Protein backbone atom coordinates (compact mmCIF):
# COMPACT_ATOMS: atom_id res chain seq x y z
CA UNK A 1 0.00 0.00 0.00
CA UNK A 2 1.37 3.43 -0.87
CA UNK A 3 1.87 5.83 1.98
CA UNK A 4 -0.32 8.90 2.00
CA UNK A 5 1.49 12.12 2.52
CA UNK A 6 0.20 14.28 5.36
CA UNK A 7 -0.56 17.84 4.46
CA UNK A 8 0.74 20.41 6.91
CA UNK A 9 -1.68 23.12 7.97
CA UNK A 10 0.13 26.40 7.44
CA UNK A 11 -2.57 28.64 8.87
CA UNK A 12 -1.76 30.69 11.96
CA UNK A 13 -2.44 28.94 15.28
CA UNK A 14 -5.22 31.38 16.19
CA UNK A 15 -7.06 30.59 12.97
CA UNK A 16 -6.86 26.84 13.59
CA UNK A 17 -8.10 27.26 17.17
CA UNK A 18 -10.89 29.57 16.02
CA UNK A 19 -12.11 26.99 13.49
CA UNK A 20 -11.99 24.23 16.13
CA UNK A 21 -13.99 26.37 18.56
CA UNK A 22 -16.58 27.16 15.88
CA UNK A 23 -16.97 23.44 15.23
CA UNK A 24 -17.47 22.71 18.95
CA UNK A 25 -20.03 25.50 19.23
CA UNK A 26 -21.92 24.24 16.19
CA UNK A 27 -22.02 20.68 17.53
CA UNK A 28 -23.14 21.92 20.95
CA UNK A 29 -26.00 23.96 19.49
CA UNK A 30 -27.23 20.85 17.67
CA UNK A 31 -27.82 19.16 21.05
CA UNK A 32 -30.11 21.86 22.45
CA UNK A 33 -33.83 21.28 22.74
CA UNK A 34 -36.14 23.35 20.52
CA UNK A 35 -37.26 25.35 23.59
CA UNK A 36 -33.65 26.08 24.53
CA UNK A 37 -32.92 27.25 21.00
CA UNK A 38 -36.00 29.46 21.08
CA UNK A 39 -34.88 30.93 24.41
CA UNK A 40 -31.46 31.76 22.99
CA UNK A 41 -32.89 33.32 19.82
CA UNK A 42 -35.49 35.35 21.75
CA UNK A 43 -32.82 36.62 24.12
CA UNK A 44 -30.53 37.54 21.25
CA UNK A 45 -33.34 39.43 19.51
CA UNK A 46 -34.32 41.28 22.70
CA UNK A 47 -30.71 42.23 23.40
CA UNK A 48 -30.28 43.45 19.81
CA UNK A 49 -33.44 45.58 20.11
CA UNK A 50 -32.12 47.02 23.35
CA UNK A 51 -28.73 47.83 21.84
CA UNK A 52 -30.30 49.44 18.77
CA UNK A 53 -32.71 51.59 20.78
CA UNK A 54 -30.21 52.56 23.42
CA UNK A 55 -27.48 53.49 20.96
CA UNK A 56 -29.95 55.54 18.87
CA UNK A 57 -31.66 57.53 21.60
CA UNK A 58 -30.28 56.40 24.99
CA UNK A 59 -33.80 55.25 25.77
CA UNK A 60 -35.55 51.90 25.82
CA UNK A 61 -39.22 51.28 25.07
CA UNK A 62 -41.36 49.36 27.51
CA UNK A 63 -41.88 46.74 24.79
CA UNK A 64 -38.15 46.08 24.61
CA UNK A 65 -37.91 45.99 28.40
CA UNK A 66 -40.73 43.42 28.42
CA UNK A 67 -38.90 41.34 25.77
CA UNK A 68 -35.76 41.38 27.92
CA UNK A 69 -37.73 40.37 30.99
CA UNK A 70 -39.49 37.51 29.17
CA UNK A 71 -36.20 36.35 27.66
CA UNK A 72 -34.54 36.42 31.08
CA UNK A 73 -37.18 34.13 32.55
CA UNK A 74 -37.17 31.79 29.54
CA UNK A 75 -33.38 31.43 29.67
CA UNK A 76 -33.54 30.94 33.46
CA UNK A 77 -36.13 28.19 33.06
CA UNK A 78 -34.64 26.38 30.07
CA UNK A 79 -31.09 26.32 31.44
CA UNK A 80 -31.90 26.03 35.16
CA UNK A 81 -30.03 29.27 35.84
CA UNK A 82 -31.80 29.95 39.13
CA UNK A 83 -31.12 26.44 40.46
CA UNK A 84 -27.55 27.08 41.59
C-alpha atoms as a PDB file:
ATOM      1  CA  UNK A   1       0.000   0.000   0.000  1.00  0.00           C
ATOM      2  CA  UNK A   2       1.370   3.429  -0.869  1.00  0.00           C
ATOM      3  CA  UNK A   3       1.870   5.832   1.984  1.00  0.00           C
ATOM      4  CA  UNK A   4      -0.323   8.899   2.005  1.00  0.00           C
ATOM      5  CA  UNK A   5       1.492  12.122   2.515  1.00  0.00           C
ATOM      6  CA  UNK A   6       0.203  14.277   5.357  1.00  0.00           C
ATOM      7  CA  UNK A   7      -0.558  17.843   4.463  1.00  0.00           C
ATOM      8  CA  UNK A   8       0.744  20.410   6.911  1.00  0.00           C
ATOM      9  CA  UNK A   9      -1.683  23.121   7.971  1.00  0.00           C
ATOM     10  CA  UNK A  10       0.127  26.398   7.435  1.00  0.00           C
ATOM     11  CA  UNK A  11      -2.567  28.640   8.867  1.00  0.00           C
ATOM     12  CA  UNK A  12      -1.760  30.694  11.963  1.00  0.00           C
ATOM     13  CA  UNK A  13      -2.439  28.939  15.281  1.00  0.00           C
ATOM     14  CA  UNK A  14      -5.218  31.380  16.194  1.00  0.00           C
ATOM     15  CA  UNK A  15      -7.056  30.589  12.970  1.00  0.00           C
ATOM     16  CA  UNK A  16      -6.855  26.838  13.588  1.00  0.00           C
ATOM     17  CA  UNK A  17      -8.100  27.258  17.173  1.00  0.00           C
ATOM     18  CA  UNK A  18     -10.891  29.566  16.017  1.00  0.00           C
ATOM     19  CA  UNK A  19     -12.108  26.992  13.493  1.00  0.00           C
ATOM     20  CA  UNK A  20     -11.987  24.227  16.130  1.00  0.00           C
ATOM     21  CA  UNK A  21     -13.986  26.369  18.561  1.00  0.00           C
ATOM     22  CA  UNK A  22     -16.580  27.165  15.877  1.00  0.00           C
ATOM     23  CA  UNK A  23     -16.971  23.438  15.231  1.00  0.00           C
ATOM     24  CA  UNK A  24     -17.474  22.705  18.950  1.00  0.00           C
ATOM     25  CA  UNK A  25     -20.034  25.499  19.225  1.00  0.00           C
ATOM     26  CA  UNK A  26     -21.917  24.240  16.187  1.00  0.00           C
ATOM     27  CA  UNK A  27     -22.019  20.681  17.529  1.00  0.00           C
ATOM     28  CA  UNK A  28     -23.144  21.919  20.947  1.00  0.00           C
ATOM     29  CA  UNK A  29     -25.999  23.956  19.486  1.00  0.00           C
ATOM     30  CA  UNK A  30     -27.231  20.849  17.669  1.00  0.00           C
ATOM     31  CA  UNK A  31     -27.821  19.165  21.046  1.00  0.00           C
ATOM     32  CA  UNK A  32     -30.108  21.855  22.447  1.00  0.00           C
ATOM     33  CA  UNK A  33     -33.832  21.275  22.742  1.00  0.00           C
ATOM     34  CA  UNK A  34     -36.142  23.349  20.521  1.00  0.00           C
ATOM     35  CA  UNK A  35     -37.260  25.346  23.591  1.00  0.00           C
ATOM     36  CA  UNK A  36     -33.653  26.077  24.532  1.00  0.00           C
ATOM     37  CA  UNK A  37     -32.918  27.251  20.996  1.00  0.00           C
ATOM     38  CA  UNK A  38     -35.997  29.464  21.082  1.00  0.00           C
ATOM     39  CA  UNK A  39     -34.878  30.930  24.409  1.00  0.00           C
ATOM     40  CA  UNK A  40     -31.465  31.763  22.987  1.00  0.00           C
ATOM     41  CA  UNK A  41     -32.893  33.319  19.824  1.00  0.00           C
ATOM     42  CA  UNK A  42     -35.491  35.348  21.747  1.00  0.00           C
ATOM     43  CA  UNK A  43     -32.822  36.617  24.119  1.00  0.00           C
ATOM     44  CA  UNK A  44     -30.532  37.537  21.248  1.00  0.00           C
ATOM     45  CA  UNK A  45     -33.342  39.425  19.509  1.00  0.00           C
ATOM     46  CA  UNK A  46     -34.319  41.278  22.700  1.00  0.00           C
ATOM     47  CA  UNK A  47     -30.707  42.233  23.396  1.00  0.00           C
ATOM     48  CA  UNK A  48     -30.284  43.449  19.806  1.00  0.00           C
ATOM     49  CA  UNK A  49     -33.438  45.577  20.105  1.00  0.00           C
ATOM     50  CA  UNK A  50     -32.124  47.022  23.353  1.00  0.00           C
ATOM     51  CA  UNK A  51     -28.727  47.829  21.844  1.00  0.00           C
ATOM     52  CA  UNK A  52     -30.299  49.440  18.773  1.00  0.00           C
ATOM     53  CA  UNK A  53     -32.714  51.586  20.785  1.00  0.00           C
ATOM     54  CA  UNK A  54     -30.210  52.558  23.423  1.00  0.00           C
ATOM     55  CA  UNK A  55     -27.483  53.494  20.956  1.00  0.00           C
ATOM     56  CA  UNK A  56     -29.946  55.535  18.872  1.00  0.00           C
ATOM     57  CA  UNK A  57     -31.662  57.526  21.601  1.00  0.00           C
ATOM     58  CA  UNK A  58     -30.275  56.397  24.986  1.00  0.00           C
ATOM     59  CA  UNK A  59     -33.801  55.255  25.767  1.00  0.00           C
ATOM     60  CA  UNK A  60     -35.551  51.900  25.819  1.00  0.00           C
ATOM     61  CA  UNK A  61     -39.216  51.276  25.072  1.00  0.00           C
ATOM     62  CA  UNK A  62     -41.361  49.363  27.506  1.00  0.00           C
ATOM     63  CA  UNK A  63     -41.885  46.737  24.788  1.00  0.00           C
ATOM     64  CA  UNK A  64     -38.145  46.085  24.607  1.00  0.00           C
ATOM     65  CA  UNK A  65     -37.907  45.993  28.403  1.00  0.00           C
ATOM     66  CA  UNK A  66     -40.725  43.424  28.421  1.00  0.00           C
ATOM     67  CA  UNK A  67     -38.904  41.338  25.772  1.00  0.00           C
ATOM     68  CA  UNK A  68     -35.761  41.381  27.916  1.00  0.00           C
ATOM     69  CA  UNK A  69     -37.726  40.365  30.991  1.00  0.00           C
ATOM     70  CA  UNK A  70     -39.487  37.510  29.168  1.00  0.00           C
ATOM     71  CA  UNK A  71     -36.202  36.355  27.664  1.00  0.00           C
ATOM     72  CA  UNK A  72     -34.539  36.420  31.079  1.00  0.00           C
ATOM     73  CA  UNK A  73     -37.183  34.127  32.551  1.00  0.00           C
ATOM     74  CA  UNK A  74     -37.170  31.785  29.544  1.00  0.00           C
ATOM     75  CA  UNK A  75     -33.376  31.433  29.671  1.00  0.00           C
ATOM     76  CA  UNK A  76     -33.544  30.939  33.456  1.00  0.00           C
ATOM     77  CA  UNK A  77     -36.134  28.189  33.057  1.00  0.00           C
ATOM     78  CA  UNK A  78     -34.637  26.377  30.068  1.00  0.00           C
ATOM     79  CA  UNK A  79     -31.094  26.323  31.437  1.00  0.00           C
ATOM     80  CA  UNK A  80     -31.898  26.034  35.163  1.00  0.00           C
ATOM     81  CA  UNK A  81     -30.031  29.272  35.844  1.00  0.00           C
ATOM     82  CA  UNK A  82     -31.798  29.948  39.134  1.00  0.00           C
ATOM     83  CA  UNK A  83     -31.115  26.445  40.462  1.00  0.00           C
ATOM     84  CA  UNK A  84     -27.551  27.075  41.587  1.00  0.00           C
END
